[in-house]
N, C-alpha and C. Protein backbone atom coordinates (compact mmCIF):
# COMPACT_ATOMS: atom_id res chain seq x y z
N MET A 1 -16.75 -8.22 64.84
CA MET A 1 -17.71 -8.94 64.82
C MET A 1 -17.81 -10.31 63.99
N LYS A 2 -18.09 -11.50 64.07
CA LYS A 2 -17.79 -12.38 62.79
C LYS A 2 -18.38 -12.44 61.95
N PHE A 3 -19.69 -11.68 61.34
CA PHE A 3 -20.22 -11.85 60.46
C PHE A 3 -20.22 -9.92 59.82
N SER A 4 -19.58 -9.36 60.38
CA SER A 4 -19.82 -8.06 60.18
C SER A 4 -19.21 -7.42 58.39
N GLN A 5 -19.89 -6.45 58.13
CA GLN A 5 -19.40 -6.35 56.85
C GLN A 5 -19.30 -5.08 56.54
N THR A 6 -18.20 -4.41 55.88
CA THR A 6 -18.25 -2.63 55.08
C THR A 6 -19.58 -3.07 54.20
N LEU A 7 -20.47 -1.41 54.51
CA LEU A 7 -20.94 -1.01 53.87
C LEU A 7 -20.77 -0.28 52.36
N ALA A 8 -21.20 -0.81 51.53
CA ALA A 8 -21.15 -0.13 49.75
C ALA A 8 -20.97 1.79 50.27
N GLU A 9 -20.58 2.31 49.53
CA GLU A 9 -20.64 3.90 49.77
C GLU A 9 -21.80 4.36 49.64
N GLY A 10 -23.11 3.73 48.92
CA GLY A 10 -23.81 4.82 48.49
C GLY A 10 -25.37 3.52 49.14
N SER A 11 -24.82 2.84 50.96
CA SER A 11 -25.69 1.84 51.22
C SER A 11 -26.86 3.15 51.95
N LEU A 12 -28.07 2.23 52.07
CA LEU A 12 -28.96 3.33 52.81
C LEU A 12 -29.19 2.96 54.03
N PHE A 13 -28.11 2.09 54.44
CA PHE A 13 -27.88 1.30 55.99
C PHE A 13 -26.70 2.43 56.55
N ARG A 14 -26.06 3.14 55.65
CA ARG A 14 -24.74 3.83 56.71
C ARG A 14 -25.63 4.85 57.20
N ALA A 15 -24.71 5.43 58.02
CA ALA A 15 -25.17 6.73 59.75
C ALA A 15 -25.13 7.67 58.70
N ARG A 16 -26.33 8.39 59.03
CA ARG A 16 -26.70 10.40 57.85
C ARG A 16 -25.02 10.86 59.04
N GLU A 17 -24.53 11.80 58.06
CA GLU A 17 -23.75 12.79 58.22
C GLU A 17 -23.59 13.15 59.31
N PHE A 18 -25.23 13.57 59.52
CA PHE A 18 -25.23 14.49 60.99
C PHE A 18 -24.42 13.55 62.40
N ILE A 19 -24.98 12.02 61.79
CA ILE A 19 -24.95 11.05 63.38
C ILE A 19 -23.62 10.50 63.15
N ALA A 20 -23.11 9.87 62.22
CA ALA A 20 -21.69 9.58 62.10
C ALA A 20 -21.12 9.59 62.78
N GLY A 21 -20.23 8.59 63.72
CA GLY A 21 -19.05 8.81 64.08
C GLY A 21 -19.26 9.40 65.65
N LYS A 22 -20.59 9.46 65.84
CA LYS A 22 -20.72 11.37 66.87
C LYS A 22 -20.88 10.11 68.42
N ASP A 23 -20.25 10.99 69.66
CA ASP A 23 -20.72 9.31 70.92
C ASP A 23 -22.22 10.40 71.55
N ALA A 24 -22.96 9.36 71.95
CA ALA A 24 -24.06 9.83 72.81
C ALA A 24 -24.03 11.85 73.20
N VAL A 25 -22.86 11.50 73.69
CA VAL A 25 -23.20 13.03 74.55
C VAL A 25 -22.71 14.53 73.25
N THR A 26 -22.02 13.84 72.48
CA THR A 26 -21.58 15.32 71.13
C THR A 26 -22.72 14.90 70.37
N LEU A 27 -23.75 14.02 70.53
CA LEU A 27 -24.82 13.87 69.29
C LEU A 27 -25.83 14.68 69.93
N ALA A 28 -25.99 14.73 71.62
CA ALA A 28 -26.94 14.81 71.69
C ALA A 28 -27.09 16.17 72.11
N THR A 29 -25.71 16.96 72.25
CA THR A 29 -25.37 18.20 71.96
C THR A 29 -25.64 19.07 71.06
N ASP A 30 -25.30 18.53 69.64
CA ASP A 30 -25.18 19.17 68.44
C ASP A 30 -27.34 19.02 68.21
N ILE A 31 -27.86 17.85 68.57
CA ILE A 31 -29.09 18.21 68.63
C ILE A 31 -30.02 19.23 68.88
N LEU A 32 -29.24 19.57 70.16
CA LEU A 32 -29.83 20.46 71.26
C LEU A 32 -29.36 22.07 70.65
N VAL A 33 -28.97 22.11 69.60
CA VAL A 33 -28.98 23.30 68.94
C VAL A 33 -29.51 23.30 67.20
N LEU A 34 -30.58 21.96 66.99
CA LEU A 34 -30.88 22.07 65.75
C LEU A 34 -31.95 23.39 65.61
N ASP A 35 -32.24 23.70 64.68
CA ASP A 35 -33.51 24.23 64.36
C ASP A 35 -34.24 23.34 63.46
N GLN A 36 -35.35 23.63 62.92
CA GLN A 36 -36.42 23.07 62.45
C GLN A 36 -35.69 22.72 60.88
N GLU A 37 -35.15 23.77 59.97
CA GLU A 37 -34.80 23.82 59.02
C GLU A 37 -33.60 22.75 58.80
N GLN A 38 -32.33 23.11 59.62
CA GLN A 38 -31.67 21.93 59.91
C GLN A 38 -31.29 20.37 60.42
N PHE A 39 -32.79 20.50 60.88
CA PHE A 39 -33.42 19.23 61.54
C PHE A 39 -33.84 18.26 59.97
N SER A 40 -34.35 18.89 59.38
CA SER A 40 -35.46 18.47 58.08
C SER A 40 -34.07 18.20 57.08
N ALA A 41 -33.48 18.71 56.90
CA ALA A 41 -31.83 18.61 56.25
C ALA A 41 -31.59 17.95 56.64
N ALA A 42 -31.26 16.87 57.57
CA ALA A 42 -29.88 16.36 57.82
C ALA A 42 -31.16 14.96 58.15
N PHE A 43 -32.49 14.90 58.32
CA PHE A 43 -32.92 14.09 58.59
C PHE A 43 -33.97 13.54 57.22
N ARG A 44 -33.90 14.35 56.18
CA ARG A 44 -34.85 14.08 55.06
C ARG A 44 -35.04 12.73 54.37
N LYS A 45 -36.19 12.88 54.00
CA LYS A 45 -36.67 10.72 53.69
C LYS A 45 -36.02 10.11 55.03
N SER A 46 -36.58 9.90 56.18
CA SER A 46 -35.41 9.09 57.19
C SER A 46 -37.09 9.26 58.39
N PRO A 47 -36.71 7.66 58.96
CA PRO A 47 -37.60 7.30 59.73
C PRO A 47 -37.68 8.24 60.84
N MET A 48 -36.50 9.20 61.15
CA MET A 48 -35.55 9.77 62.43
C MET A 48 -37.36 11.37 62.28
N LYS A 49 -37.62 10.99 61.45
CA LYS A 49 -38.43 12.30 61.17
C LYS A 49 -39.51 12.27 61.86
N ARG A 50 -40.03 11.13 61.95
CA ARG A 50 -41.38 10.69 62.58
C ARG A 50 -40.89 11.14 64.10
N ALA A 51 -40.09 11.18 64.84
CA ALA A 51 -40.00 11.47 66.54
C ALA A 51 -40.02 13.05 66.66
N LYS A 52 -39.94 14.09 65.10
CA LYS A 52 -39.64 15.17 65.51
C LYS A 52 -38.71 15.82 66.10
N LEU A 53 -38.55 16.79 65.91
CA LEU A 53 -37.37 17.72 66.88
C LEU A 53 -37.62 17.71 68.29
N ALA A 54 -39.07 18.00 68.88
CA ALA A 54 -38.96 18.38 69.81
C ALA A 54 -38.68 17.14 70.78
N GLY A 55 -39.74 15.60 70.08
CA GLY A 55 -38.98 14.99 70.87
C GLY A 55 -37.70 14.57 70.35
N LEU A 56 -36.88 14.73 69.45
CA LEU A 56 -35.21 14.61 69.40
C LEU A 56 -34.42 15.02 70.60
N LYS A 57 -35.49 16.76 70.61
CA LYS A 57 -34.50 17.38 71.94
C LYS A 57 -34.78 16.83 73.37
N ARG A 58 -35.74 16.56 73.78
CA ARG A 58 -36.58 15.92 74.81
C ARG A 58 -35.73 14.61 75.22
N ASN A 59 -35.36 13.79 74.21
CA ASN A 59 -34.38 12.42 74.57
C ASN A 59 -33.10 12.91 74.47
N ALA A 60 -32.60 14.09 74.03
CA ALA A 60 -31.14 14.58 73.81
C ALA A 60 -31.16 15.53 75.64
N THR A 61 -32.08 15.49 75.99
CA THR A 61 -31.63 16.27 76.93
C THR A 61 -31.81 15.05 78.28
N VAL A 62 -32.43 14.62 78.14
CA VAL A 62 -32.03 13.48 78.81
C VAL A 62 -30.63 12.66 78.64
N VAL A 63 -30.05 12.24 77.54
CA VAL A 63 -28.81 11.65 77.75
C VAL A 63 -27.61 12.30 78.12
N LEU A 64 -28.28 13.53 78.08
CA LEU A 64 -27.08 14.88 78.91
C LEU A 64 -27.10 14.53 80.11
N GLU A 65 -28.38 14.58 80.85
CA GLU A 65 -28.69 14.52 81.94
C GLU A 65 -28.25 13.34 82.90
N ASN A 66 -28.56 11.84 81.60
CA ASN A 66 -28.11 10.71 82.12
C ASN A 66 -26.33 10.59 82.53
N SER A 67 -25.84 11.82 81.65
CA SER A 67 -24.45 11.23 81.59
C SER A 67 -23.23 12.29 82.55
N SER A 68 -24.45 12.79 82.85
CA SER A 68 -23.56 13.83 84.02
C SER A 68 -23.78 12.84 85.80
N ARG A 69 -24.46 11.92 85.67
CA ARG A 69 -24.38 11.57 87.00
C ARG A 69 -23.14 10.45 87.57
């Protein structure tokens, strides 16, 4: 991209380790096996926690259903 920049190592805008470098199907599969403790650790101080684990699992299920079409 014309205006893209590499993010600094400690940038708040970097993808979390749990998410970084994964395609949608892999990420959805990983989300479906998370327990509450793992979810809390992976998304500590993150807006992702607003969706709650149940909401993310619901969305992950939709991703997997749509990817199999």
